Amino acid sequence: MRRGAARAVLTLLLLGPLSGPVLAAQVATPSVTTLPPAALKNTVPSTVVASITTPTDAARLLSALIKNTRFVVRGEASVTVLFPPRPTPIRTAQSLPLIEVFPAMLKQNFDIKRQPDEVVAQRPSQVFTLTPKVGAAASWRVWVDARWNVPLAYEERSADGSLARRAELLRADKLQKRGKPVQAAALPGLAQALRQALPGLALPPGFRAVGVGRRPAGAQVVFSDGLNVLALVTAQKGVKAAQGVVSRKVGDGFVWLVGNLTAQDLQTALKGIRPGDLSALGTFMPPDDSNP
């Protein structure tokens, strides 16, 4: 598969129904400024602070991410995606793309720390960093509106520190309830079925199977560490190695693995994989995709 086709595969797998490398100068400089201490003084009455138990940094951030599945800020946003590579890495939108998280896994796999408050879209914001406890998965930074308690900006950085994606509200007009809450929930029994379907698969630290579906190439399994995502596809043909994508011949077919990890980490995950019974995944397919 040629380089252009490999880029198309990356975009389809990781950004498909959910949401070439560019120069650093093409990435807009974040319009985030440090909030003066005077602006933060007395934001919460001392009587209220004294009467409650201060939540942990992780609890503060998770409450915002969970609320974001029910509410969204409308306005003007800038969205930059450098991984997977795409012809037009920067676009505008009316809201931020949703961050899909699995709370228990997120708390288990990331160190979450609050940083000095800043201003985003002229609104005071709390800043949180999320650093993987083990492995080389991407790190994140999230800006949470101090009043609305939902994200106003976030960015993902690869293990080498390079920017993978950033989304930021430039103007925040209103907080609006979503038409339908977005829920992310792991599927009970999927891990056992995966061992039957793809024996020998060695997932990177912290990643677990969270979903199954179909792509034109074949069956797809989605993995998460609570925040970052990997996509594995079974196919009849291989795909040329590219940034964030590797493939390996298994039996009569191939297995692709795509994600924001080093080529070595992706190759290690597939190194010991053996032919298995892919029908074990059938019960987890969406109704329209299940085998009769």
Protein backbone atom coordinates (compact mmCIF):
# COMPACT_ATOMS: atom_id res chain seq x y z
CA MET A 1 0.00 0.00 0.00
CA ARG A 2 1.42 3.40 -0.96
CA ARG A 3 2.03 6.20 1.54
CA GLY A 4 -1.11 8.10 0.54
CA ALA A 5 -3.23 5.00 1.07
CA ALA A 6 -1.58 4.37 4.44
CA ARG A 7 -2.57 7.88 5.55
CA ALA A 8 -6.13 7.18 4.46
CA VAL A 9 -6.12 4.01 6.57
CA LEU A 10 -4.95 5.95 9.62
CA THR A 11 -7.63 8.58 9.24
CA LEU A 12 -10.36 6.00 8.62
CA LEU A 13 -9.45 3.84 11.59
CA LEU A 14 -8.88 6.49 14.25
CA LEU A 15 -11.09 9.35 13.09
CA GLY A 16 -13.69 7.48 11.01
CA PRO A 17 -17.21 7.73 12.37
CA LEU A 18 -15.97 9.29 15.61
CA SER A 19 -14.21 12.37 14.63
CA GLY A 20 0.86 14.58 5.74
CA PRO A 21 2.85 15.75 8.62
CA VAL A 22 2.89 19.55 8.78
CA LEU A 23 5.44 22.13 9.83
CA ALA A 24 5.30 23.42 13.39
CA ALA A 25 4.65 26.89 12.00
CA GLN A 26 1.33 25.67 10.65
CA VAL A 27 0.00 24.94 14.13
CA ALA A 28 -1.74 27.94 15.64
CA THR A 29 -0.16 29.22 18.82
CA PRO A 30 -2.52 28.45 21.72
CA SER A 31 -4.36 31.54 22.90
CA VAL A 32 -4.03 30.50 26.54
CA THR A 33 -2.83 33.05 29.09
CA THR A 34 -1.98 32.78 32.74
CA LEU A 35 -4.79 33.96 34.98
CA PRO A 36 -3.63 36.75 37.31
CA PRO A 37 -3.79 35.74 41.00
CA ALA A 38 -6.12 38.67 41.70
CA ALA A 39 -8.66 37.25 39.27
CA LEU A 40 -8.71 33.97 41.18
CA LYS A 41 -9.12 35.47 44.63
CA ASN A 42 -12.46 34.85 46.27
CA THR A 43 -13.79 32.74 43.37
CA VAL A 44 -15.27 30.42 46.01
CA PRO A 45 -16.53 31.83 49.32
CA SER A 46 -14.37 30.74 52.24
CA THR A 47 -17.45 29.58 54.13
CA VAL A 48 -18.22 27.12 51.34
CA VAL A 49 -14.63 25.89 51.15
CA ALA A 50 -14.60 25.23 54.85
CA SER A 51 -17.80 23.21 54.71
CA ILE A 52 -16.79 20.70 52.07
CA THR A 53 -14.10 18.13 51.55
CA THR A 54 -11.66 19.17 48.85
CA PRO A 55 -11.86 16.68 45.96
CA THR A 56 -8.73 15.15 44.49
CA ASP A 57 -7.32 16.37 41.20
CA ALA A 58 -8.51 13.17 39.53
CA ALA A 59 -12.03 13.59 40.93
CA ARG A 60 -12.20 17.20 39.72
CA LEU A 61 -11.17 16.29 36.19
CA LEU A 62 -13.36 13.20 35.96
CA SER A 63 -16.42 15.14 37.06
CA ALA A 64 -15.82 17.54 34.16
CA LEU A 65 -15.21 14.80 31.60
CA ILE A 66 -18.33 12.91 32.71
CA LYS A 67 -20.44 16.08 32.61
CA ASN A 68 -19.12 16.69 29.09
CA THR A 69 -20.93 13.54 27.93
CA ARG A 70 -24.21 15.37 28.76
CA PHE A 71 -23.32 19.00 28.07
CA VAL A 72 -21.34 20.81 25.37
CA VAL A 73 -20.07 24.38 25.00
CA ARG A 74 -21.13 26.03 21.73
CA GLY A 75 -19.12 28.82 20.13
CA GLU A 76 -16.08 28.77 17.87
CA ALA A 77 -13.33 26.16 18.18
CA SER A 78 -10.02 25.47 16.45
CA VAL A 79 -9.15 21.78 16.00
CA THR A 80 -5.65 20.66 15.00
CA VAL A 81 -4.97 16.98 14.20
CA LEU A 82 -1.39 16.01 13.34
CA PHE A 83 -1.88 12.30 14.08
CA PRO A 84 -3.20 10.54 12.13
CA PRO A 85 -1.64 12.67 9.35
CA ARG A 86 -4.23 14.35 7.16
CA PRO A 87 -4.13 16.76 4.19
CA THR A 88 -5.81 19.58 6.16
CA PRO A 89 -4.66 19.37 9.78
CA ILE A 90 -6.44 22.48 11.05
CA ARG A 91 -10.19 23.14 10.92
CA THR A 92 -12.79 25.19 12.74
CA ALA A 93 -15.87 23.85 14.52
CA GLN A 94 -18.77 25.02 16.68
CA SER A 95 -17.69 22.87 19.64
CA LEU A 96 -14.85 20.63 20.83
CA PRO A 97 -14.77 16.99 19.68
CA LEU A 98 -15.80 14.87 22.66
CA ILE A 99 -13.07 13.21 24.73
CA GLU A 100 -14.26 9.63 25.20
CA VAL A 101 -13.00 8.27 28.51
CA PHE A 102 -13.34 5.20 30.70
CA PRO A 103 -13.12 6.65 34.25
CA ALA A 104 -11.86 3.59 36.18
CA MET A 105 -9.12 2.89 33.63
CA LEU A 106 -8.20 6.57 33.47
CA LYS A 107 -7.63 6.75 37.24
CA GLN A 108 -5.67 3.50 37.18
CA ASN A 109 -3.36 4.35 34.27
CA PHE A 110 -2.68 8.09 34.60
CA ASP A 111 -1.16 10.48 37.10
CA ILE A 112 -3.53 13.46 37.14
CA LYS A 113 -2.19 16.76 38.45
CA ARG A 114 -3.74 20.20 38.62
CA GLN A 115 -1.60 23.05 37.29
CA PRO A 116 -1.87 26.85 37.71
CA ASP A 117 -5.19 28.18 36.43
CA GLU A 118 -5.33 29.90 33.03
CA VAL A 119 -7.80 31.67 30.75
CA VAL A 120 -9.33 30.08 27.65
CA ALA A 121 -11.87 31.91 25.48
CA GLN A 122 -11.84 34.72 28.08
CA ARG A 123 -13.06 32.31 30.76
CA PRO A 124 -11.15 31.25 33.93
CA SER A 125 -10.10 27.62 33.58
CA GLN A 126 -8.57 24.91 35.72
CA VAL A 127 -5.69 23.06 34.03
CA PHE A 128 -4.96 19.35 34.45
CA THR A 129 -2.11 17.20 33.13
CA LEU A 130 -2.48 13.47 32.56
CA THR A 131 0.73 11.44 32.39
CA PRO A 132 0.77 7.64 31.80
CA LYS A 133 2.05 5.76 34.86
CA VAL A 134 3.69 3.08 32.67
CA GLY A 135 4.42 2.58 28.99
CA ALA A 136 4.82 5.15 26.23
CA ALA A 137 1.24 6.19 25.54
CA ALA A 138 0.37 9.83 24.85
CA SER A 139 0.10 12.44 27.61
CA TRP A 140 -2.73 14.96 27.78
CA ARG A 141 -3.50 18.42 29.10
CA VAL A 142 -7.10 19.53 29.67
CA TRP A 143 -8.48 23.01 30.41
CA VAL A 144 -11.77 22.91 32.37
CA ASP A 145 -14.14 25.87 32.68
CA ALA A 146 -14.11 27.00 36.33
CA ARG A 147 -17.87 27.71 36.32
CA TRP A 148 -19.40 25.33 33.78
CA ASN A 149 -17.13 22.40 34.72
CA VAL A 150 -16.63 21.12 31.17
CA PRO A 151 -13.51 21.18 28.95
CA LEU A 152 -12.71 24.36 27.02
CA ALA A 153 -9.52 22.97 25.45
CA TYR A 154 -7.33 19.87 25.40
CA GLU A 155 -4.19 18.60 23.74
CA GLU A 156 -2.56 15.21 23.20
CA ARG A 157 1.22 14.81 22.98
CA SER A 158 3.16 11.74 21.90
CA ALA A 159 5.79 10.16 24.14
CA ASP A 160 8.48 12.28 22.43
CA GLY A 161 6.59 15.47 23.33
CA SER A 162 5.37 16.26 19.81
CA LEU A 163 1.82 17.55 19.41
CA ALA A 164 -0.63 14.94 18.13
CA ARG A 165 -3.85 16.92 18.43
CA ARG A 166 -5.23 20.04 20.03
CA ALA A 167 -8.75 21.41 20.30
CA GLU A 168 -9.48 24.82 21.79
CA LEU A 169 -12.53 27.05 22.08
CA LEU A 170 -11.74 30.53 20.82
CA ARG A 171 -15.20 31.80 21.76
CA ALA A 172 -17.56 30.24 24.31
CA ASP A 173 -21.15 31.36 23.74
CA LYS A 174 -23.26 29.00 25.82
CA LEU A 175 -23.42 25.70 27.68
CA GLN A 176 -25.94 23.43 26.01
CA LYS A 177 -27.36 20.03 26.90
CA ARG A 178 -26.54 17.33 24.36
CA GLY A 179 -29.44 15.81 22.48
CA LYS A 180 -28.34 12.36 23.59
CA PRO A 181 -25.75 11.61 26.31
CA VAL A 182 -22.61 9.89 25.02
CA GLN A 183 -21.70 6.84 27.06
CA ALA A 184 -18.49 4.81 26.90
CA ALA A 185 -18.71 1.42 28.59
CA ALA A 186 -16.49 -1.65 28.33
CA LEU A 187 -18.15 -4.87 27.15
CA PRO A 188 -18.18 -7.72 29.72
CA GLY A 189 -16.64 -10.90 28.32
CA LEU A 190 -14.84 -9.18 25.46
CA ALA A 191 -11.37 -9.83 26.88
CA GLN A 192 -12.00 -13.58 27.01
CA ALA A 193 -13.42 -13.61 23.48
CA LEU A 194 -10.38 -11.69 22.26
CA ARG A 195 -8.03 -14.32 23.67
CA GLN A 196 -9.87 -16.94 21.60
CA ALA A 197 -9.95 -14.83 18.47
CA LEU A 198 -6.37 -13.47 18.58
CA PRO A 199 -4.24 -15.64 20.91
CA GLY A 200 -0.81 -14.23 21.65
CA LEU A 201 -1.80 -10.58 21.32
CA ALA A 202 0.29 -8.65 23.86
CA LEU A 203 -1.37 -5.29 24.50
CA PRO A 204 0.75 -2.32 25.62
CA PRO A 205 0.55 -1.54 29.36
CA GLY A 206 -2.85 -0.28 30.48
CA PHE A 207 -4.79 -1.00 27.27
CA ARG A 208 -7.95 -3.14 27.25
CA ALA A 209 -10.47 -4.08 24.58
CA VAL A 210 -13.52 -1.80 24.76
CA GLY A 211 -15.35 -2.28 21.46
CA VAL A 212 -15.80 -4.36 18.30
CA GLY A 213 -17.05 -3.39 14.86
CA ARG A 214 -16.39 -3.77 11.14
CA ARG A 215 -14.38 -1.86 8.57
CA PRO A 216 -14.34 -2.51 4.83
CA ALA A 217 -11.06 -4.40 5.33
CA GLY A 218 -12.43 -6.69 8.08
CA ALA A 219 -13.30 -6.92 11.77
CA GLN A 220 -12.02 -4.14 14.05
CA VAL A 221 -11.28 -4.23 17.78
CA VAL A 222 -10.83 -0.96 19.68
CA PHE A 223 -8.58 -0.73 22.75
CA SER A 224 -8.30 2.04 25.34
CA ASP A 225 -6.17 2.87 28.38
CA GLY A 226 -8.97 5.09 29.61
CA LEU A 227 -8.12 7.92 27.21
CA ASN A 228 -5.83 6.89 24.33
CA VAL A 229 -7.10 4.57 21.60
CA LEU A 230 -5.65 1.72 19.52
CA ALA A 231 -7.45 0.05 16.62
CA LEU A 232 -6.76 -3.52 15.45
CA VAL A 233 -8.12 -4.74 12.12
CA THR A 234 -8.14 -8.25 10.64
CA ALA A 235 -7.77 -8.14 6.84
CA GLN A 236 -6.95 -10.22 3.78
CA LYS A 237 -4.14 -7.85 2.75
CA GLY A 238 -1.31 -6.18 4.61
CA VAL A 239 -0.71 -2.45 4.87
CA LYS A 240 2.60 -0.69 4.36
CA ALA A 241 4.21 0.46 7.58
CA ALA A 242 3.72 4.18 8.28
CA GLN A 243 3.63 6.50 11.26
CA GLY A 244 1.45 4.77 13.86
CA VAL A 245 0.54 1.70 11.80
CA VAL A 246 2.05 -1.78 11.51
CA SER A 247 0.78 -5.08 10.09
CA ARG A 248 1.69 -8.73 10.51
CA LYS A 249 0.73 -11.86 8.57
CA VAL A 250 -1.28 -14.26 10.73
CA GLY A 251 -2.42 -17.53 9.15
CA ASP A 252 -4.02 -16.80 5.78
CA GLY A 253 -4.63 -13.12 6.54
CA PHE A 254 -3.13 -10.05 8.16
CA VAL A 255 -3.60 -8.06 11.35
CA TRP A 256 -3.12 -4.27 11.42
CA LEU A 257 -2.55 -2.26 14.59
CA VAL A 258 -2.93 1.53 14.54
CA GLY A 259 -2.32 4.05 17.30
CA ASN A 260 -0.20 6.87 18.69
CA LEU A 261 2.66 4.65 19.86
CA THR A 262 6.15 3.94 18.56
CA ALA A 263 6.54 1.38 15.77
CA GLN A 264 8.43 -0.85 18.20
CA ASP A 265 5.57 -0.86 20.73
CA LEU A 266 3.03 -1.66 18.00
CA GLN A 267 5.21 -4.45 16.55
CA THR A 268 5.77 -5.95 20.01
CA ALA A 269 2.01 -6.16 20.52
CA LEU A 270 1.60 -8.26 17.37
CA LYS A 271 4.83 -10.27 17.59
CA GLY A 272 3.40 -13.36 19.28
CA ILE A 273 -0.09 -13.35 17.74
CA ARG A 274 -1.34 -16.70 16.36
CA PRO A 275 -4.35 -17.75 14.27
CA GLY A 276 -7.49 -18.11 16.37
CA ASP A 277 -11.25 -18.31 16.11
CA LEU A 278 -12.49 -14.89 14.94
CA SER A 279 -16.09 -16.04 15.29
CA ALA A 280 -15.64 -15.58 19.06
CA LEU A 281 -16.05 -11.84 18.44
CA GLY A 282 -19.37 -12.27 16.64
CA THR A 283 -21.61 -11.72 19.64
CA PHE A 284 -19.97 -8.33 20.28
CA MET A 285 -20.55 -7.00 16.76
CA PRO A 286 -23.23 -4.32 16.25
CA PRO A 287 -26.60 -5.93 15.36
CA ASP A 288 -26.37 -5.08 11.65
CA ASP A 289 -22.85 -6.53 11.44
CA SER A 290 -23.35 -9.80 13.32
CA ASN A 291 -23.11 -13.02 11.45
CA PRO A 292 -26.48 -14.78 11.10
